[in-house]
N, C-alpha and C. Protein backbone atom coordinates (compact mmCIF):
# COMPACT_ATOMS: atom_id res chain seq x y z
N MET A 1 0.63 -1.31 -0.10
CA MET A 1 -0.23 -0.03 -0.05
C MET A 1 1.07 1.08 0.20
N MET A 2 0.30 1.96 -0.76
CA MET A 2 1.10 3.57 -1.31
C MET A 2 0.64 4.47 -0.04
N THR A 3 1.74 4.85 0.85
CA THR A 3 1.09 5.84 1.97
C THR A 3 1.57 7.46 1.61
N GLY A 4 2.18 7.83 0.19
CA GLY A 4 2.12 8.68 -0.18
C GLY A 4 3.20 8.99 -1.40
N THR A 5 3.17 10.32 -1.85
CA THR A 5 3.94 10.79 -2.55
C THR A 5 4.77 11.68 -2.33
N THR A 6 5.74 12.14 -2.65
CA THR A 6 6.51 13.45 -2.48
C THR A 6 6.70 14.17 -3.79
N PRO A 7 6.17 15.51 -3.34
CA PRO A 7 5.73 16.49 -4.39
C PRO A 7 7.02 16.85 -5.12
N LEU A 8 6.78 17.06 -6.34
CA LEU A 8 8.08 17.76 -7.29
C LEU A 8 8.67 19.08 -6.46
N ILE A 9 9.80 19.35 -6.61
CA ILE A 9 10.68 20.46 -6.06
C ILE A 9 10.10 21.58 -6.94
N LYS A 10 9.36 22.72 -6.50
CA LYS A 10 9.51 23.77 -7.70
C LYS A 10 10.56 24.38 -7.82
N VAL A 11 10.82 24.33 -9.58
CA VAL A 11 11.98 25.49 -9.92
C VAL A 11 11.72 26.96 -10.50
N ASP A 12 12.43 27.57 -10.14
CA ASP A 12 12.10 29.31 -10.62
C ASP A 12 12.43 28.96 -12.03
N PRO A 13 11.90 29.25 -13.17
CA PRO A 13 12.50 29.58 -14.38
C PRO A 13 13.05 30.92 -14.30
N ALA A 14 13.53 31.54 -13.41
CA ALA A 14 14.57 32.74 -13.32
C ALA A 14 15.65 32.69 -12.92
N THR A 15 15.56 30.94 -12.47
CA THR A 15 17.13 31.08 -12.03
C THR A 15 18.34 31.03 -13.06
N PRO A 16 19.37 31.34 -13.08
CA PRO A 16 20.22 31.29 -13.99
C PRO A 16 20.61 30.28 -14.71
N GLY A 17 20.98 30.12 -16.02
CA GLY A 17 20.88 28.86 -17.01
C GLY A 17 19.53 27.85 -16.85
N TYR A 18 18.43 28.63 -16.43
CA TYR A 18 17.14 27.56 -16.50
C TYR A 18 17.06 26.94 -17.96
N ALA A 19 16.98 27.81 -18.79
CA ALA A 19 16.71 27.44 -20.12
C ALA A 19 17.54 26.55 -20.89
N LYS A 20 18.60 26.37 -20.60
CA LYS A 20 19.84 25.48 -20.80
C LYS A 20 19.45 24.34 -20.19
N MET A 21 19.51 24.19 -19.30
CA MET A 21 19.28 23.27 -18.22
C MET A 21 18.07 22.37 -18.69
N ARG A 22 16.98 23.20 -18.94
CA ARG A 22 15.83 22.75 -19.21
C ARG A 22 15.61 21.44 -20.65
N GLN A 23 16.31 22.38 -21.21
CA GLN A 23 16.62 21.92 -22.63
C GLN A 23 17.19 20.47 -22.39
N GLN A 24 18.55 20.69 -21.53
CA GLN A 24 19.41 19.37 -21.57
C GLN A 24 18.11 18.44 -20.73
N ALA A 25 17.45 18.42 -19.66
CA ALA A 25 16.42 17.61 -19.23
C ALA A 25 15.70 17.02 -20.28
N LYS A 26 15.12 17.74 -21.13
CA LYS A 26 14.15 17.22 -22.11
C LYS A 26 15.31 16.46 -23.14
N ASP A 27 15.89 16.56 -23.47
CA ASP A 27 16.80 16.14 -24.38
C ASP A 27 17.23 14.62 -23.72
N LEU A 28 17.53 14.50 -22.38
CA LEU A 28 17.81 13.62 -21.77
C LEU A 28 16.48 12.57 -21.88
N GLU A 29 15.55 13.00 -21.61
CA GLU A 29 14.22 12.70 -21.23
C GLU A 29 13.71 11.86 -22.69
N GLY A 30 14.17 12.85 -23.95
CA GLY A 30 13.87 12.28 -25.26
C GLY A 30 14.91 10.97 -25.69
N VAL A 31 16.16 10.87 -25.01
CA VAL A 31 17.02 9.70 -25.35
C VAL A 31 16.38 8.42 -24.81
N PHE A 32 15.93 8.78 -23.08
CA PHE A 32 15.16 7.44 -22.27
C PHE A 32 13.99 7.09 -23.25
N LEU A 33 13.04 7.98 -23.87
CA LEU A 33 11.88 7.66 -24.79
C LEU A 33 12.35 6.87 -25.51
N ASN A 34 13.29 7.23 -26.52
CA ASN A 34 13.87 6.61 -27.83
C ASN A 34 14.37 5.46 -27.31
N THR A 35 15.21 5.30 -26.24
CA THR A 35 15.75 3.82 -25.84
C THR A 35 13.93 2.79 -25.82
N LEU A 36 13.22 3.20 -25.02
CA LEU A 36 11.97 2.71 -24.91
C LEU A 36 11.02 2.46 -26.00
N THR A 37 10.80 3.39 -26.78
CA THR A 37 10.12 2.99 -27.83
C THR A 37 10.90 2.14 -28.84
N LYS A 38 12.13 2.09 -28.98
CA LYS A 38 12.81 1.25 -30.03
C LYS A 38 12.35 -0.26 -29.02
N GLN A 39 12.77 -0.33 -27.93
CA GLN A 39 12.68 -1.64 -27.56
C GLN A 39 11.25 -2.08 -27.65
N LEU A 40 10.38 -1.57 -27.61
CA LEU A 40 9.03 -1.83 -27.75
C LEU A 40 8.82 -2.12 -29.15
N PHE A 41 9.15 -1.43 -30.17
CA PHE A 41 9.16 -1.60 -31.58
C PHE A 41 9.87 -3.01 -31.92
N SER A 42 10.72 -3.30 -31.12
CA SER A 42 11.70 -4.27 -31.32
C SER A 42 10.92 -5.52 -31.08
N SER A 43 10.10 -5.58 -30.19
CA SER A 43 9.34 -6.76 -29.58
C SER A 43 8.32 -7.30 -30.61
N LEU A 44 7.82 -6.36 -31.32
CA LEU A 44 6.63 -6.54 -32.37
C LEU A 44 7.12 -7.40 -33.26
N LYS A 45 6.15 -8.42 -33.87
CA LYS A 45 6.80 -9.56 -34.71
C LYS A 45 6.67 -9.28 -36.20
N THR A 46 7.66 -8.92 -36.90
CA THR A 46 7.74 -8.96 -38.30
C THR A 46 7.80 -9.77 -39.03
N ASP A 47 7.07 -9.95 -40.53
CA ASP A 47 7.27 -10.54 -41.22
C ASP A 47 6.54 -10.44 -42.92
N ASP A 48 6.86 -10.98 -43.38
CA ASP A 48 6.10 -10.71 -44.64
C ASP A 48 4.57 -10.22 -44.90
N LYS A 49 3.56 -10.69 -44.02
CA LYS A 49 2.51 -10.05 -43.90
C LYS A 49 2.19 -8.42 -43.46
N ASN A 50 3.15 -8.07 -42.52
CA ASN A 50 3.09 -7.11 -42.34
C ASN A 50 3.09 -5.46 -43.19
N PHE A 51 4.79 -5.58 -43.02
CA PHE A 51 5.10 -4.44 -43.94
C PHE A 51 6.00 -5.03 -44.98
N GLY A 52 6.32 -6.38 -44.87
CA GLY A 52 7.49 -6.90 -46.07
C GLY A 52 8.77 -7.35 -45.21
N GLY A 53 8.74 -6.90 -44.24
CA GLY A 53 10.05 -7.47 -43.49
C GLY A 53 11.20 -6.51 -43.84
N GLY A 54 12.46 -7.07 -43.53
CA GLY A 54 13.89 -6.94 -44.13
C GLY A 54 14.35 -5.64 -43.40
N PHE A 55 15.23 -4.86 -44.30
CA PHE A 55 15.86 -3.72 -43.80
C PHE A 55 15.35 -2.89 -44.04
N GLY A 56 14.56 -2.40 -44.83
CA GLY A 56 13.68 -1.08 -45.23
C GLY A 56 12.72 -1.21 -43.84
N GLU A 57 12.21 -1.78 -43.49
CA GLU A 57 11.50 -2.29 -42.29
C GLU A 57 11.85 -1.68 -41.16
N GLU A 58 13.31 -2.35 -40.77
CA GLU A 58 14.14 -2.05 -39.50
C GLU A 58 14.38 -0.55 -39.53
N THR A 59 14.68 0.04 -40.62
CA THR A 59 14.98 1.35 -40.83
C THR A 59 14.01 2.38 -40.50
N TRP A 60 12.74 2.03 -41.22
CA TRP A 60 11.65 2.41 -40.82
C TRP A 60 11.04 2.61 -39.43
N ARG A 61 11.17 1.40 -38.79
CA ARG A 61 10.86 1.15 -37.17
C ARG A 61 11.39 2.06 -36.34
N SER A 62 12.92 2.22 -36.92
CA SER A 62 13.99 2.80 -35.85
C SER A 62 13.45 4.57 -36.00
N MET A 63 13.59 4.97 -37.36
CA MET A 63 13.04 6.26 -37.51
C MET A 63 11.67 6.45 -37.02
N GLN A 64 10.67 5.85 -36.82
CA GLN A 64 9.43 5.75 -36.35
C GLN A 64 9.40 5.86 -34.44
N ALA A 65 10.43 5.33 -34.16
CA ALA A 65 10.70 5.25 -32.60
C ALA A 65 11.18 6.53 -32.18
N GLU A 66 12.00 6.71 -33.27
CA GLU A 66 12.97 8.46 -32.94
C GLU A 66 11.96 9.35 -32.72
N GLN A 67 11.23 9.59 -33.74
CA GLN A 67 10.12 10.53 -33.99
C GLN A 67 9.30 10.70 -32.80
N LEU A 68 8.35 9.31 -32.38
CA LEU A 68 7.29 9.00 -31.50
C LEU A 68 8.24 9.69 -30.22
N ALA A 69 9.26 9.44 -29.94
CA ALA A 69 10.02 9.56 -28.48
C ALA A 69 10.21 11.02 -28.50
N ASN A 70 10.80 11.65 -29.89
CA ASN A 70 10.74 12.88 -29.69
C ASN A 70 9.56 13.71 -29.59
N THR A 71 8.70 13.41 -30.23
CA THR A 71 7.22 14.24 -30.14
C THR A 71 6.52 13.88 -28.63
N LEU A 72 6.99 12.83 -28.20
CA LEU A 72 6.48 12.63 -26.52
C LEU A 72 6.90 13.65 -25.62
N ALA A 73 8.30 13.46 -25.91
CA ALA A 73 9.65 14.76 -25.08
C ALA A 73 8.70 15.81 -25.50
N ASP A 74 8.56 16.73 -26.28
CA ASP A 74 8.18 17.85 -26.66
C ASP A 74 6.86 18.18 -26.23
N GLN A 75 6.25 17.10 -25.70
CA GLN A 75 4.64 17.52 -25.95
C GLN A 75 4.20 17.34 -24.15
N GLY A 76 5.90 17.34 -23.25
CA GLY A 76 5.63 17.08 -22.06
C GLY A 76 6.37 15.80 -21.21
N GLY A 77 6.32 15.27 -22.52
CA GLY A 77 6.79 13.40 -22.02
C GLY A 77 6.36 12.73 -20.74
N ILE A 78 7.00 12.15 -19.98
CA ILE A 78 6.52 11.52 -18.90
C ILE A 78 6.81 11.99 -17.65
N GLY A 79 7.64 13.20 -17.39
CA GLY A 79 7.86 13.88 -16.08
C GLY A 79 8.99 13.59 -15.86
N LEU A 80 10.01 12.60 -16.89
CA LEU A 80 11.04 12.95 -16.16
C LEU A 80 12.47 13.82 -16.43
N ALA A 81 12.10 14.80 -17.21
CA ALA A 81 12.67 16.24 -17.25
C ALA A 81 11.96 16.94 -16.22
N ASP A 82 10.85 17.04 -15.73
CA ASP A 82 10.27 17.68 -14.40
C ASP A 82 11.42 17.37 -13.04
N GLN A 83 11.73 15.95 -12.98
CA GLN A 83 12.18 15.21 -12.13
C GLN A 83 13.51 15.44 -11.76
N LEU A 84 14.10 15.87 -13.52
CA LEU A 84 15.54 15.99 -13.12
C LEU A 84 16.30 17.36 -12.74
N MET A 85 15.18 18.51 -13.11
CA MET A 85 15.60 19.79 -12.92
C MET A 85 16.22 20.31 -11.30
N PRO A 86 15.40 19.80 -10.72
CA PRO A 86 16.25 20.18 -9.14
C PRO A 86 17.40 19.76 -8.47
N THR A 87 17.99 18.35 -9.61
CA THR A 87 19.27 17.64 -9.57
C THR A 87 20.06 18.69 -10.31
N LEU A 88 19.79 18.98 -11.70
CA LEU A 88 20.54 19.48 -12.39
C LEU A 88 20.93 20.90 -11.77
N LEU A 89 20.19 21.69 -10.99
CA LEU A 89 19.98 23.08 -10.20
C LEU A 89 21.03 23.00 -9.47
N ARG A 90 21.00 21.53 -8.39
CA ARG A 90 21.67 21.45 -7.48
C ARG A 90 23.43 21.19 -7.70
N MET A 91 23.24 20.53 -9.05
CA MET A 91 24.73 20.07 -9.64
C MET A 91 25.51 21.41 -9.97
N GLN A 92 24.49 22.22 -10.89
CA GLN A 92 25.30 23.56 -10.97
C GLN A 92 25.52 24.45 -9.95
N GLU A 93 24.72 24.77 -9.26
CA GLU A 93 24.85 25.31 -7.83
C GLU A 93 25.84 25.02 -7.47
N ALA A 94 26.69 23.49 -6.97
CA ALA A 94 27.74 23.02 -6.15
C ALA A 94 28.72 23.52 -7.16
N GLN A 95 28.62 23.21 -8.37
CA GLN A 95 29.68 23.16 -9.35
C GLN A 95 30.19 24.78 -9.39
N ASN A 96 29.20 26.08 -9.30
CA ASN A 96 29.23 27.19 -9.08
C ASN A 96 30.04 27.89 -8.07
N SER A 97 30.10 26.74 -6.84
CA SER A 97 30.32 27.70 -5.34
C SER A 97 32.07 26.79 -5.22
N THR A 98 32.06 26.02 -5.72
CA THR A 98 33.52 25.35 -5.91
C THR A 98 34.46 25.74 -7.27
N GLY A 99 34.06 26.49 -8.04
CA GLY A 99 34.55 27.11 -9.45
C GLY A 99 34.38 26.38 -10.58
N PRO A 100 34.98 27.03 -11.32
CA PRO A 100 34.98 26.00 -12.69
C PRO A 100 36.12 25.04 -12.57
N THR A 101 35.73 24.00 -13.18
CA THR A 101 36.01 22.61 -13.37
C THR A 101 36.21 22.08 -14.87
N THR A 102 36.86 21.25 -14.91
CA THR A 102 36.73 20.48 -16.46
C THR A 102 36.42 19.07 -16.51
N THR A 103 35.29 18.89 -15.64
CA THR A 103 34.95 17.66 -15.32
C THR A 103 33.99 16.96 -16.43
N GLY A 104 33.60 18.19 -17.66
CA GLY A 104 33.28 17.82 -18.51
C GLY A 104 31.44 17.22 -18.01
N THR A 105 30.85 17.73 -17.24
CA THR A 105 29.21 17.63 -16.82
C THR A 105 28.74 18.91 -17.67
N GLY A 106 29.16 19.66 -18.53
CA GLY A 106 28.59 20.61 -19.43
C GLY A 106 27.60 21.60 -18.56
N LEU A 107 27.50 21.61 -17.28
CA LEU A 107 26.34 22.48 -16.44
C LEU A 107 27.16 23.80 -16.04
N SER A 108 28.19 24.10 -16.16
CA SER A 108 28.89 25.36 -16.21
C SER A 108 28.04 26.54 -16.67
N SER A 109 28.19 27.54 -16.37
CA SER A 109 27.42 28.63 -17.07
C SER A 109 28.64 29.24 -17.85
């Protein structure tokens, strides 16, 4: 039995670097959804009766999975980007308080 849920932390859009972090979070959600949809499509049976099978169908399914994932992410996704934002902000704040580094996180301003 579920006793409750933890609400998402509200992130102020006026926070420095918000737009860039939001885009990074949406991009990551898109990658996750792309992987998810590719796995979904890979489980579908393909034979001559459906679309003809072969390399063309594999290519088409890959493109369809990618477009579906991007559309889902652009329309709000599954909430993964919203959940990532507080963590990304904390990471940026921690990095800014210790000064610039070359860790390759891409979160420096």
